[in-house]
C-alpha atoms as a PDB file:
ATOM      1  CA  THR A   1       7.214  12.059  26.871  1.00  0.00           C
ATOM      2  CA  ALA A   2       6.729  11.619  23.149  1.00  0.00           C
ATOM      3  CA  ALA A   3       6.083   7.862  23.588  1.00  0.00           C
ATOM      4  CA  ARG A   4       3.548   8.460  26.356  1.00  0.00           C
ATOM      5  CA  LEU A   5       1.757  11.121  24.251  1.00  0.00           C
ATOM      6  CA  ALA A   6       1.770   8.759  21.207  1.00  0.00           C
ATOM      7  CA  CYS A   7       0.218   5.957  23.308  1.00  0.00           C
ATOM      8  CA  GLY A   8      -2.348   8.333  24.864  1.00  0.00           C
ATOM      9  CA  CYS A   9      -3.376   9.661  21.393  1.00  0.00           C
ATOM     10  CA  VAL A  10      -4.040   6.073  20.136  1.00  0.00           C
ATOM     11  CA  LEU A  11      -6.008   5.245  23.319  1.00  0.00           C
ATOM     12  CA  ARG A  12      -8.096   8.390  23.017  1.00  0.00           C
ATOM     13  CA  LEU A  13      -8.873   7.717  19.356  1.00  0.00           C
ATOM     14  CA  THR A  14      -9.809   4.136  20.192  1.00  0.00           C
ATOM     15  CA  GLU A  15     -12.198   5.364  22.870  1.00  0.00           C
ATOM     16  CA  ALA A  16     -13.805   7.829  20.460  1.00  0.00           C
ATOM     17  CA  VAL A  17     -14.400   5.129  17.888  1.00  0.00           C
ATOM     18  CA  MET A  18     -15.761   2.600  20.395  1.00  0.00           C
ATOM     19  CA  HIS A  19     -18.062   5.266  21.933  1.00  0.00           C
ATOM     20  CA  GLY A  20     -19.379   6.292  18.585  1.00  0.00           C
ATOM     21  CA  GLU A  21     -17.931   9.854  18.712  1.00  0.00           C
ATOM     22  CA  VAL A  22     -16.223   9.254  15.350  1.00  0.00           C
ATOM     23  CA  ARG A  23     -16.563   6.434  12.840  1.00  0.00           C
ATOM     24  CA  ASN A  24     -12.832   5.816  12.353  1.00  0.00           C
ATOM     25  CA  GLY A  25      -9.525   7.531  12.478  1.00  0.00           C
ATOM     26  CA  LEU A  26      -5.792   7.725  11.854  1.00  0.00           C
ATOM     27  CA  ALA A  27      -3.389   8.526  14.643  1.00  0.00           C
ATOM     28  CA  VAL A  28      -0.321  10.324  13.311  1.00  0.00           C
ATOM     29  CA  VAL A  29       2.050   9.575  16.150  1.00  0.00           C
ATOM     30  CA  ARG A  30       5.733   8.953  16.863  1.00  0.00           C
ATOM     31  CA  PRO A  31       7.511   6.897  18.057  1.00  0.00           C
ATOM     32  CA  PRO A  32       6.092   3.644  16.629  1.00  0.00           C
ATOM     33  CA  GLY A  33       5.210   0.774  18.910  1.00  0.00           C
ATOM     34  CA  HIS A  34       4.795  -2.682  17.416  1.00  0.00           C
ATOM     35  CA  HIS A  35       8.302  -4.004  18.310  1.00  0.00           C
ATOM     36  CA  ALA A  36       8.062  -3.118  21.954  1.00  0.00           C
ATOM     37  CA  GLU A  37       7.934  -6.152  24.281  1.00  0.00           C
ATOM     38  CA  VAL A  38       6.251  -6.212  27.678  1.00  0.00           C
ATOM     39  CA  HIS A  39       9.506  -5.599  29.494  1.00  0.00           C
ATOM     40  CA  GLN A  40      11.750  -3.874  26.986  1.00  0.00           C
ATOM     41  CA  ALA A  41      11.854  -1.279  24.256  1.00  0.00           C
ATOM     42  CA  MET A  42      13.000  -2.435  20.790  1.00  0.00           C
ATOM     43  CA  GLY A  43      13.346  -1.125  17.237  1.00  0.00           C
ATOM     44  CA  PHE A  44      12.554   2.540  18.020  1.00  0.00           C
ATOM     45  CA  CYS A  45       9.458   1.421  19.929  1.00  0.00           C
ATOM     46  CA  VAL A  46       9.010   2.261  23.641  1.00  0.00           C
ATOM     47  CA  PHE A  47       5.309   1.481  24.300  1.00  0.00           C
ATOM     48  CA  ASN A  48       3.372  -0.980  22.154  1.00  0.00           C
ATOM     49  CA  THR A  49       0.619   1.491  21.401  1.00  0.00           C
ATOM     50  CA  VAL A  50      -1.591  -0.804  19.243  1.00  0.00           C
ATOM     51  CA  ALA A  51      -1.324  -3.710  21.724  1.00  0.00           C
ATOM     52  CA  ILE A  52      -2.187  -1.396  24.634  1.00  0.00           C
ATOM     53  CA  ALA A  53      -5.184   0.001  22.639  1.00  0.00           C
ATOM     54  CA  ALA A  54      -6.375  -3.571  21.957  1.00  0.00           C
ATOM     55  CA  MET A  55      -6.167  -4.452  25.652  1.00  0.00           C
ATOM     56  CA  HIS A  56      -7.950  -1.219  26.546  1.00  0.00           C
ATOM     57  CA  ALA A  57     -10.739  -1.965  24.108  1.00  0.00           C
ATOM     58  CA  ARG A  58     -11.149  -5.473  25.502  1.00  0.00           C
ATOM     59  CA  THR A  59     -11.046  -4.644  29.202  1.00  0.00           C
ATOM     60  CA  ALA A  60     -12.740  -1.181  29.307  1.00  0.00           C
ATOM     61  CA  LEU A  61     -14.565  -0.423  26.075  1.00  0.00           C
ATOM     62  CA  GLY A  62     -16.720  -3.473  25.560  1.00  0.00           C
ATOM     63  CA  ALA A  63     -14.933  -5.100  22.620  1.00  0.00           C
ATOM     64  CA  ARG A  64     -15.298  -8.884  22.776  1.00  0.00           C
ATOM     65  CA  ARG A  65     -12.884  -9.594  19.837  1.00  0.00           C
ATOM     66  CA  VAL A  66     -10.260  -7.333  18.313  1.00  0.00           C
ATOM     67  CA  LEU A  67      -8.494  -7.734  14.959  1.00  0.00           C
ATOM     68  CA  ILE A  68      -5.027  -6.271  14.666  1.00  0.00           C
ATOM     69  CA  VAL A  69      -3.701  -5.898  11.087  1.00  0.00           C
ATOM     70  CA  ASP A  70      -0.021  -5.143  10.779  1.00  0.00           C
ATOM     71  CA  TRP A  71       1.085  -4.090   7.271  1.00  0.00           C
ATOM     72  CA  ASP A  72       4.453  -2.633   8.388  1.00  0.00           C
ATOM     73  CA  ILE A  73       7.274  -4.203   6.307  1.00  0.00           C
ATOM     74  CA  HIS A  74       8.702  -5.523   9.683  1.00  0.00           C
ATOM     75  CA  HIS A  75       6.942  -8.147  11.726  1.00  0.00           C
ATOM     76  CA  GLY A  76       5.365  -6.848  14.904  1.00  0.00           C
ATOM     77  CA  ASN A  77       6.990  -9.194  17.267  1.00  0.00           C
ATOM     78  CA  GLY A  78       5.830  -7.245  20.309  1.00  0.00           C
ATOM     79  CA  ILE A  79       2.143  -7.439  19.381  1.00  0.00           C
ATOM     80  CA  GLN A  80       2.455 -11.131  18.655  1.00  0.00           C
ATOM     81  CA  SER A  81       4.155 -11.904  21.965  1.00  0.00           C
ATOM     82  CA  VAL A  82       1.370 -10.072  23.916  1.00  0.00           C
ATOM     83  CA  PHE A  83      -1.525 -11.916  22.306  1.00  0.00           C
ATOM     84  CA  GLU A  84      -0.165 -15.278  21.211  1.00  0.00           C
ATOM     85  CA  ASP A  85      -2.166 -17.140  23.789  1.00  0.00           C
ATOM     86  CA  ASP A  86      -5.257 -14.860  23.696  1.00  0.00           C
ATOM     87  CA  PRO A  87      -8.196 -16.204  21.588  1.00  0.00           C
ATOM     88  CA  THR A  88      -9.965 -12.825  21.704  1.00  0.00           C
ATOM     89  CA  VAL A  89      -7.338 -10.954  19.678  1.00  0.00           C
ATOM     90  CA  LEU A  90      -6.484 -11.974  16.112  1.00  0.00           C
ATOM     91  CA  TYR A  91      -3.128 -10.742  14.903  1.00  0.00           C
ATOM     92  CA  PHE A  92      -2.615 -10.734  11.135  1.00  0.00           C
ATOM     93  CA  SER A  93       0.835  -9.621   9.896  1.00  0.00           C
ATOM     94  CA  VAL A  94       2.092  -9.165   6.337  1.00  0.00           C
ATOM     95  CA  HIS A  95       5.817  -8.501   6.279  1.00  0.00           C
ATOM     96  CA  ARG A  96       9.167  -9.390   4.778  1.00  0.00           C
ATOM     97  CA  HIS A  97      10.457 -12.532   6.369  1.00  0.00           C
ATOM     98  CA  GLU A  98      13.386 -13.536   4.133  1.00  0.00           C
ATOM     99  CA  ARG A  99      13.453 -16.932   5.903  1.00  0.00           C
ATOM    100  CA  GLY A 100      14.272 -15.278   9.176  1.00  0.00           C
ATOM    101  CA  ALA A 101      16.981 -12.904   7.993  1.00  0.00           C
ATOM    102  CA  PHE A 102      14.814  -9.700   7.923  1.00  0.00           C
ATOM    103  CA  PHE A 103      14.403  -7.625  11.110  1.00  0.00           C
ATOM    104  CA  PRO A 104      13.440  -8.783  13.638  1.00  0.00           C
ATOM    105  CA  PRO A 105      15.426 -11.859  12.882  1.00  0.00           C
ATOM    106  CA  GLY A 106      14.466 -15.413  13.751  1.00  0.00           C
ATOM    107  CA  GLN A 107      11.466 -17.621  13.133  1.00  0.00           C
ATOM    108  CA  GLY A 108       8.890 -15.745  15.233  1.00  0.00           C
ATOM    109  CA  ALA A 109       7.648 -14.095  12.092  1.00  0.00           C
ATOM    110  CA  ALA A 110       7.411 -17.387  10.174  1.00  0.00           C
ATOM    111  CA  PRO A 111       4.097 -18.779   8.863  1.00  0.00           C
ATOM    112  CA  THR A 112       4.374 -21.569  11.355  1.00  0.00           C
ATOM    113  CA  SER A 113       3.943 -19.138  14.234  1.00  0.00           C
ATOM    114  CA  ILE A 114       0.207 -19.477  14.765  1.00  0.00           C
ATOM    115  CA  GLY A 115      -0.096 -18.767  18.523  1.00  0.00           C
ATOM    116  CA  ARG A 116      -0.124 -21.162  21.423  1.00  0.00           C
ATOM    117  CA  GLY A 117      -2.516 -22.523  23.974  1.00  0.00           C
ATOM    118  CA  GLU A 118      -5.930 -20.990  23.724  1.00  0.00           C
ATOM    119  CA  GLY A 119      -4.632 -18.535  21.156  1.00  0.00           C
ATOM    120  CA  GLN A 120      -3.449 -21.198  18.715  1.00  0.00           C
ATOM    121  CA  GLY A 121      -4.803 -20.302  15.331  1.00  0.00           C
ATOM    122  CA  VAL A 122      -5.489 -16.560  15.846  1.00  0.00           C
ATOM    123  CA  ASN A 123      -1.965 -15.535  14.896  1.00  0.00           C
ATOM    124  CA  VAL A 124      -1.466 -15.416  11.153  1.00  0.00           C
ATOM    125  CA  ASN A 125       1.844 -14.508   9.516  1.00  0.00           C
ATOM    126  CA  VAL A 126       2.233 -13.993   5.840  1.00  0.00           C
ATOM    127  CA  GLY A 127       6.015 -13.641   5.287  1.00  0.00           C
ATOM    128  CA  TRP A 128       7.466 -12.503   2.001  1.00  0.00           C
ATOM    129  CA  ASN A 129      10.638 -14.315   0.906  1.00  0.00           C
ATOM    130  CA  THR A 130      11.793 -12.011  -1.903  1.00  0.00           C
ATOM    131  CA  ARG A 131      15.536 -12.560  -2.149  1.00  0.00           C
ATOM    132  CA  GLY A 132      16.230 -13.014  -5.905  1.00  0.00           C
ATOM    133  CA  CYS A 133      12.590 -12.197  -6.786  1.00  0.00           C
ATOM    134  CA  ALA A 134      10.558  -9.165  -7.576  1.00  0.00           C
ATOM    135  CA  LYS A 135       9.296  -7.359  -4.444  1.00  0.00           C
ATOM    136  CA  PRO A 136       5.557  -7.428  -3.705  1.00  0.00           C
ATOM    137  CA  GLY A 137       3.238  -4.546  -4.501  1.00  0.00           C
ATOM    138  CA  ASP A 138      -0.480  -3.805  -4.894  1.00  0.00           C
ATOM    139  CA  ALA A 139      -1.316  -7.080  -6.685  1.00  0.00           C
ATOM    140  CA  GLU A 140       0.311  -9.269  -4.056  1.00  0.00           C
ATOM    141  CA  TYR A 141      -1.105  -7.456  -1.090  1.00  0.00           C
ATOM    142  CA  LEU A 142      -4.620  -7.290  -2.533  1.00  0.00           C
ATOM    143  CA  ALA A 143      -4.424 -11.036  -3.261  1.00  0.00           C
ATOM    144  CA  VAL A 144      -3.518 -11.701   0.411  1.00  0.00           C
ATOM    145  CA  TRP A 145      -6.493  -9.439   1.467  1.00  0.00           C
ATOM    146  CA  ARG A 146      -8.891 -11.257  -0.863  1.00  0.00           C
ATOM    147  CA  GLU A 147      -7.810 -14.845  -0.221  1.00  0.00           C
ATOM    148  CA  LEU A 148      -6.657 -14.783   3.368  1.00  0.00           C
ATOM    149  CA  LEU A 149      -7.286 -11.723   5.545  1.00  0.00           C
ATOM    150  CA  MET A 150     -10.836 -10.853   4.665  1.00  0.00           C
ATOM    151  CA  PRO A 151     -12.242 -14.397   4.844  1.00  0.00           C
ATOM    152  CA  ILE A 152     -10.534 -15.051   8.106  1.00  0.00           C
ATOM    153  CA  ALA A 153     -11.531 -11.692   9.567  1.00  0.00           C
ATOM    154  CA  ARG A 154     -15.195 -12.199   8.633  1.00  0.00           C
ATOM    155  CA  GLU A 155     -15.176 -15.548  10.369  1.00  0.00           C
ATOM    156  CA  PHE A 156     -13.506 -14.037  13.437  1.00  0.00           C
ATOM    157  CA  SER A 157     -16.141 -11.202  13.487  1.00  0.00           C
ATOM    158  CA  PRO A 158     -14.223  -8.482  15.410  1.00  0.00           C
ATOM    159  CA  ASP A 159     -15.868  -5.616  17.290  1.00  0.00           C
ATOM    160  CA  LEU A 160     -12.875  -3.395  16.474  1.00  0.00           C
ATOM    161  CA  VAL A 161     -10.090  -3.312  13.893  1.00  0.00           C
ATOM    162  CA  LEU A 162      -6.763  -1.805  14.714  1.00  0.00           C
ATOM    163  CA  VAL A 163      -4.024  -1.306  12.124  1.00  0.00           C
ATOM    164  CA  ALA A 164      -0.344  -1.083  12.860  1.00  0.00           C
ATOM    165  CA  ALA A 165       0.024   1.208   9.892  1.00  0.00           C
ATOM    166  CA  GLY A 166       3.668   1.301   8.936  1.00  0.00           C
ATOM    167  CA  PHE A 167       4.292   2.663   5.404  1.00  0.00           C
ATOM    168  CA  ASP A 168       7.748   1.209   4.788  1.00  0.00           C
ATOM    169  CA  ALA A 169       6.231  -1.209   2.211  1.00  0.00           C
ATOM    170  CA  ALA A 170       5.255   1.779   0.099  1.00  0.00           C
ATOM    171  CA  GLU A 171       6.616   2.498  -3.324  1.00  0.00           C
ATOM    172  CA  GLY A 172       9.694   4.722  -2.819  1.00  0.00           C
ATOM    173  CA  ASP A 173      10.630   3.648   0.697  1.00  0.00           C
ATOM    174  CA  PRO A 174      14.366   3.039   0.733  1.00  0.00           C
ATOM    175  CA  LEU A 175      14.337   0.303   3.414  1.00  0.00           C
ATOM    176  CA  GLY A 176      11.268  -1.781   2.617  1.00  0.00           C
ATOM    177  CA  GLY A 177      12.000  -2.017  -1.145  1.00  0.00           C
ATOM    178  CA  CYS A 178       8.333  -3.015  -1.889  1.00  0.00           C
ATOM    179  CA  HIS A 179       5.824  -1.397  -4.160  1.00  0.00           C
ATOM    180  CA  ILE A 180       2.452  -0.647  -2.538  1.00  0.00           C
ATOM    181  CA  THR A 181       1.022   2.425  -4.199  1.00  0.00           C
ATOM    182  CA  THR A 182      -1.465   4.988  -2.833  1.00  0.00           C
ATOM    183  CA  HIS A 183      -4.159   3.023  -4.617  1.00  0.00           C
ATOM    184  CA  GLY A 184      -3.102  -0.171  -2.803  1.00  0.00           C
ATOM    185  CA  TYR A 185      -3.239   1.446   0.608  1.00  0.00           C
ATOM    186  CA  HIS A 186      -6.628   3.037  -0.194  1.00  0.00           C
ATOM    187  CA  ALA A 187      -8.053  -0.303  -1.305  1.00  0.00           C
ATOM    188  CA  MET A 188      -6.675  -2.177   1.724  1.00  0.00           C
ATOM    189  CA  THR A 189      -8.154   0.430   4.078  1.00  0.00           C
ATOM    190  CA  THR A 190     -11.505   0.413   2.298  1.00  0.00           C
ATOM    191  CA  GLN A 191     -11.827  -3.303   2.638  1.00  0.00           C
ATOM    192  CA  LEU A 192     -11.097  -3.192   6.360  1.00  0.00           C
ATOM    193  CA  MET A 193     -13.876  -0.649   6.789  1.00  0.00           C
ATOM    194  CA  GLU A 194     -16.322  -3.485   5.930  1.00  0.00           C
ATOM    195  CA  LEU A 195     -15.425  -5.138   9.256  1.00  0.00           C
ATOM    196  CA  ALA A 196     -16.559  -4.388  12.873  1.00  0.00           C
ATOM    197  CA  GLY A 197     -19.336  -2.075  11.705  1.00  0.00           C
ATOM    198  CA  GLY A 198     -16.716   0.261  10.343  1.00  0.00           C
ATOM    199  CA  LYS A 199     -14.925   0.700  13.691  1.00  0.00           C
ATOM    200  CA  LEU A 200     -11.352   1.138  12.417  1.00  0.00           C
ATOM    201  CA  VAL A 201      -8.302   2.756  14.011  1.00  0.00           C
ATOM    202  CA  LEU A 202      -5.029   3.179  12.153  1.00  0.00           C
ATOM    203  CA  ALA A 203      -1.893   4.044  14.142  1.00  0.00           C
ATOM    204  CA  LEU A 204       1.246   5.174  12.377  1.00  0.00           C
ATOM    205  CA  GLU A 205       4.199   2.769  12.676  1.00  0.00           C
ATOM    206  CA  GLY A 206       7.314   2.621  10.459  1.00  0.00           C
ATOM    207  CA  GLY A 207       8.194   4.548   7.359  1.00  0.00           C
ATOM    208  CA  TYR A 208      11.603   5.794   6.130  1.00  0.00           C
ATOM    209  CA  SER A 209      10.534   8.123   3.349  1.00  0.00           C
ATOM    210  CA  ILE A 210       8.617  11.283   4.364  1.00  0.00           C
ATOM    211  CA  ALA A 211       7.242  11.645   0.847  1.00  0.00           C
ATOM    212  CA  ALA A 212       6.074   8.012   0.610  1.00  0.00           C
ATOM    213  CA  THR A 213       4.662   8.035   4.156  1.00  0.00           C
ATOM    214  CA  LYS A 214       2.800  11.246   3.577  1.00  0.00           C
ATOM    215  CA  ALA A 215       1.276  10.086   0.287  1.00  0.00           C
ATOM    216  CA  SER A 216       0.333   6.636   1.710  1.00  0.00           C
ATOM    217  CA  ALA A 217      -1.170   7.973   4.938  1.00  0.00           C
ATOM    218  CA  GLY A 218      -3.058  10.513   2.874  1.00  0.00           C
ATOM    219  CA  ALA A 219      -4.567   7.823   0.807  1.00  0.00           C
ATOM    220  CA  CYS A 220      -5.592   5.906   3.927  1.00  0.00           C
ATOM    221  CA  MET A 221      -7.238   9.016   5.330  1.00  0.00           C
ATOM    222  CA  GLN A 222      -9.137   9.551   2.021  1.00  0.00           C
ATOM    223  CA  ALA A 223     -10.423   5.987   2.299  1.00  0.00           C
ATOM    224  CA  LEU A 224     -11.538   6.654   5.892  1.00  0.00           C
ATOM    225  CA  LEU A 225     -13.429   9.773   4.713  1.00  0.00           C
ATOM    226  CA  GLY A 226     -15.008   7.896   1.820  1.00  0.00           C
ATOM    227  CA  ILE A 227     -13.113   9.885  -0.822  1.00  0.00           C
ATOM    228  CA  GLU A 228     -12.414   7.907  -3.971  1.00  0.00           C
ATOM    229  CA  LEU A 229      -9.044   7.920  -5.763  1.00  0.00           C
ATOM    230  CA  PRO A 230      -8.757   7.870  -9.519  1.00  0.00           C
ATOM    231  CA  PRO A 231      -8.728   4.281 -10.972  1.00  0.00           C
ATOM    232  CA  PRO A 232      -5.531   2.407 -10.286  1.00  0.00           C
ATOM    233  CA  PRO A 233      -3.201   1.462 -13.143  1.00  0.00           C
ATOM    234  CA  ALA A 234      -4.748  -1.266 -15.277  1.00  0.00           C
ATOM    235  CA  SER A 235      -1.571  -3.390 -15.062  1.00  0.00           C
ATOM    236  CA  ALA A 236      -1.876  -3.826 -11.281  1.00  0.00           C
ATOM    237  CA  MET A 237      -5.491  -5.099 -11.473  1.00  0.00           C
ATOM    238  CA  GLU A 238      -4.623  -7.323 -14.431  1.00  0.00           C
ATOM    239  CA  THR A 239      -2.001  -9.002 -12.318  1.00  0.00           C
ATOM    240  CA  VAL A 240      -4.534  -9.645  -9.548  1.00  0.00           C
ATOM    241  CA  ASP A 241      -7.115 -10.907 -11.996  1.00  0.00           C
ATOM    242  CA  ARG A 242      -4.683 -13.419 -13.607  1.00  0.00           C
ATOM    243  CA  GLY A 243      -4.468 -15.229 -10.372  1.00  0.00           C
ATOM    244  CA  ARG A 244      -8.156 -14.946  -9.432  1.00  0.00           C
ATOM    245  CA  GLY A 245      -9.392 -18.189 -10.947  1.00  0.00           C
ATOM    246  CA  ARG A 246      -6.472 -20.180  -9.509  1.00  0.00           C
ATOM    247  CA  GLY A 247      -6.789 -18.486  -6.123  1.00  0.00           C
ATOM    248  CA  ALA A 248     -10.504 -18.964  -5.857  1.00  0.00           C
ATOM    249  CA  LEU A 249     -10.120 -22.636  -6.549  1.00  0.00           C
ATOM    250  CA  GLN A 250      -7.670 -23.087  -3.650  1.00  0.00           C
ATOM    251  CA  SER A 251      -8.998 -20.472  -1.191  1.00  0.00           C
ATOM    252  CA  ALA A 252     -11.926 -22.706  -0.116  1.00  0.00           C
ATOM    253  CA  ARG A 253      -9.397 -25.450   0.763  1.00  0.00           C
ATOM    254  CA  LEU A 254      -7.251 -22.991   2.651  1.00  0.00           C
ATOM    255  CA  ARG A 255     -10.200 -21.467   4.616  1.00  0.00           C
ATOM    256  CA  ALA A 256     -11.507 -24.908   5.487  1.00  0.00           C
ATOM    257  CA  ARG A 257      -8.332 -25.294   7.548  1.00  0.00           C
ATOM    258  CA  PHE A 258      -8.616 -21.841   9.164  1.00  0.00           C
ATOM    259  CA  GLY A 259     -11.711 -22.361  11.331  1.00  0.00           C
ATOM    260  CA  GLY A 260     -11.885 -24.527  14.381  1.00  0.00           C
ATOM    261  CA  GLY A 261     -15.646 -24.842  14.052  1.00  0.00           C
ATOM    262  CA  GLY A 262     -15.761 -21.147  13.048  1.00  0.00           C
ATOM    263  CA  ARG A 263     -13.850 -20.128  16.191  1.00  0.00           C
ATOM    264  CA  ARG A 264     -10.147 -20.136  15.666  1.00  0.00           C
ATOM    265  CA  PRO A 265      -8.957 -19.363  12.166  1.00  0.00           C
ATOM    266  CA  ALA A 266      -5.517 -20.896  11.826  1.00  0.00           C
ATOM    267  CA  CYS A 267      -3.028 -20.228   9.021  1.00  0.00           C
ATOM    268  CA  GLN A 268       0.514 -21.475   8.365  1.00  0.00           C
ATOM    269  CA  ALA A 269       0.770 -19.617   5.121  1.00  0.00           C
ATOM    270  CA  GLU A 270       4.019 -18.584   3.508  1.00  0.00           C
ATOM    271  CA  ALA A 271       3.823 -15.917   0.855  1.00  0.00           C
ATOM    272  CA  ALA A 272       6.397 -14.749  -1.643  1.00  0.00           C
ATOM    273  CA  ALA A 273       6.594 -12.419  -4.540  1.00  0.00           C
ATOM    274  CA  ASP A 274       7.491 -14.245  -7.710  1.00  0.00           C
ATOM    275  CA  GLY A 275       7.123 -11.338 -10.160  1.00  0.00           C
ATOM    276  CA  GLN A 276       3.695 -12.572 -11.253  1.00  0.00           C
ATOM    277  CA  GLY A 277       1.612 -12.254  -8.107  1.00  0.00           C
ATOM    278  CA  ALA A 278       1.467 -13.793  -4.689  1.00  0.00           C
ATOM    279  CA  TYR A 279       1.421 -17.401  -3.657  1.00  0.00           C
ATOM    280  CA  CYS A 280       0.668 -18.938  -0.282  1.00  0.00           C
ATOM    281  CA  GLU A 281       1.615 -22.347   0.863  1.00  0.00           C
ATOM    282  CA  GLN A 282      -0.334 -24.286   3.460  1.00  0.00           C
ATOM    283  CA  GLN A 283       0.823 -27.908   3.749  1.00  0.00           C
ATOM    284  CA  GLY A 284       1.499 -28.044  -0.027  1.00  0.00           C
ATOM    285  CA  VAL A 285      -1.355 -25.940  -1.218  1.00  0.00           C
ATOM    286  CA  ALA A 286      -0.361 -23.016  -3.428  1.00  0.00           C
ATOM    287  CA  LEU A 287      -2.109 -19.905  -4.634  1.00  0.00           C
END
């Protein structure tokens, strides 16, 4: 019953956003959904709520293209499997990969998983390999947003943005071990509001600290409402700025490989935290 209600809540919010009843929204639901496969439950997930919402938007609500952003610390294998051959849904996941050792195990979450068939190039995995390194935080995630996600998303031009909003990459989460602050989540959400005419739906996924999940989700809601947070710590922005010149130089080369004539952004990027920022590798290109 809880899984059916969670799925129904996300569907109803998606309908409200697409029909113009509300500008955007956050569905605070449990259980999560992004691991659920078509024929089986997995990883606490019964119904893949975000995937179902994307399909509903495409088939019944008039959305031609849907962007799904998954910032849960775990890769959304279920979402990827549903849309890996669908060119109308772009799945962009940022997660811990640890060279296949992090849940869900295997190479499905690797940067080389870019979709197949007609969907090749609209599946983008940024996998953190952090063993022996500092874990990523605001600077690394905002660098990924600036250099990869936002340029690809603008080219894809979605009619709706759905977020599999797990908060287990938040500062203080005991499982994720990463360091996204409330400022980071606020900034990430604010940037996504620039897409799809502001049609943005966040659906709660993972999170293993009630305090961290509450603070992070609250920051996202403030962003959705247009409420500003106090300025972030200077150190985080300085870390982002240190890589700005180097990243800008390489990002044009990366983005040139994303678009198939402006149609199918493709990325085989591998990201890792090295204690100084984020880097992405695409056939030898590093940020």
